[in-house]
Amino acid sequence: MLKSPSVLMVLSQLGRRSEVKLARPLHQMVKMMSKQVQARRLEGIEKNPWVEFVQLASENEAVNLGQGFPDFPPPEFSTEAFKQAVSGDFMLNQYTRGFGYPPLVKILAQFFGKLLERDLDPLKNVLVTVGAYGALFYAFQALVDEGDEVILIEPYFDCYKPMTKMAGGCPVFVPLHPPPAHDGQLMSSGDWQLDPAELASKFTPRTKAIVINSPNNPLGKVYSRAELELIADLCKKHDVLCFSDEVYQWLVYDEEKHISIAILPGMWERTLTIGSAGKTFSVTGWKVGWVLGPDHLLKHLRTVHQNCVYHCPTQAQEAVSSSFERELRFFGQPDSYFVQLQKDVQKMRDHMVNSLLTVGMRPIIPQGTYFLMADISTFKKMMPHLPGSEGEAYDSRFVKWMIKNKGLVAIPVSVFCGSEHKKHFDHYIRFCFMKNDSTFEAMDDKLQQWKKELEP
């Protein structure tokens, strides 16, 4: 019988072998350790624009008008509800129902049943997710298969493309088109339109879904009933699903009305309607989202959910539930938070529009969301050769220049487009105006200094 080597001898030998390996370059070690590490579904989606621009903003201590989050407190009734959830019933520290805290799915069914004009079953027609991001991820993973085409309307929120590709799908892009420029007149996001023939041409036998985002981030467009009917008719004709991202539905301005595509005839059966407590109650860090839809679609999202996160934080769900109960009592009344929020944020929008005009940018007035796009064509003509990497879009180079030289952060709109159409969007940048007074004061100081530098 062979004797086992002593533990010390084995460790000693392992140590000597490790020293030999460490003497080799790291890239050789990795090559020896494994074949390709990452799954193929991650190829081409590694780069994230937020990481790059947030880091650049931090390094230059710039005024952050790029990231989409409020920098002021949420409504007091929401934060008080969270405090109560933490300090009250000790069972809220434990698991709840995996597909959604029962009081939350119940109030969501009641609240959105009114808006979607149908009775919603809280157990079958509502799924609570880790933010709207989670709802979107489930939709793609559950319903998009290898080789399926998914139509994305440009400019689109940037996660739609990588989520399509991670599911094995093929993104198909169709742009919104701006109208001809009018001298001296600011454009509205509502002026940007789909070409009906162009949109129809994107639907093929391989089309599985179309993603719509109304109000749209980054443009701020609110789709009209006629535009939604155009999309709905094509979905029904080609038997296509609709993922409807409606997280900004309470932020609609100038008497515009948000319409959910799911209320149109024949669309409930093929639509997932996605919402977010982060955008609804200005609590983006709580990461509570939901998806509403027919059971024959949601059952597949529940399968992904139970094999992914399984369960969302109970206390945050309780706080959101309490907040919606409060809003249901004040539904449509002047004391409703949604009514007050819309008025307050519209003032923020108007402030930013007027401020950006002082340096020669041309804001596109958004009908909704807390973002606006600004046309920087004037600067592209004045400074056409800004530094940047080879092939980098002009708007990206401009934003980096602006962060470093003017202390203001925005996001280049070309990151919200497919490669084919980037050139059509490379003279726009996106700003977030969901900011407090001190942020606006800092922005105005930077812009006034910029204006002086531009004066002859």
Foldseek 3Di string as FASTA:
>chain_A
DDDDDDPVVVVVVVVVVVVVLVVDDPVVVVVVPDDDDDDPLCPPVPDDQVVVQVVLLVVLVFLEQADAAEPDDWDPLLVVLLVCLVPPDPCLQDFAQLFAHVLLLVLCQVVCCVQLVHRADSVQFKGKAQFLVRVLLLLLQLFPAAAAEEEEEPLADLVNCSSNSSRNYHYDYFYFAADDDDPPDFAALQRTHGDLVRVLVRQDLRHAEYEDEACGPPAQAHDDPVRLVSVVVSCVVNVHAYEYEDAFQLQFDDPDHHHDSCNDPPHQARYKYKYGPCNVRSPVVQRIIMIGGGNVSVVSSLVVSCVPVSGGNSSSSSSSSSLSVVQVVQPPHCPRPSNVVNVVLVVLQVLVQVLVVLLPWRWHRHRGDQKIKTFQVVVCVVPVDQDDDPPDFQQVSVQSCCCNPLSYHWAQSLSSDDPVCSNVRSRMTMGGRSYDPVSSVSVSVSSVVSSVVPDD
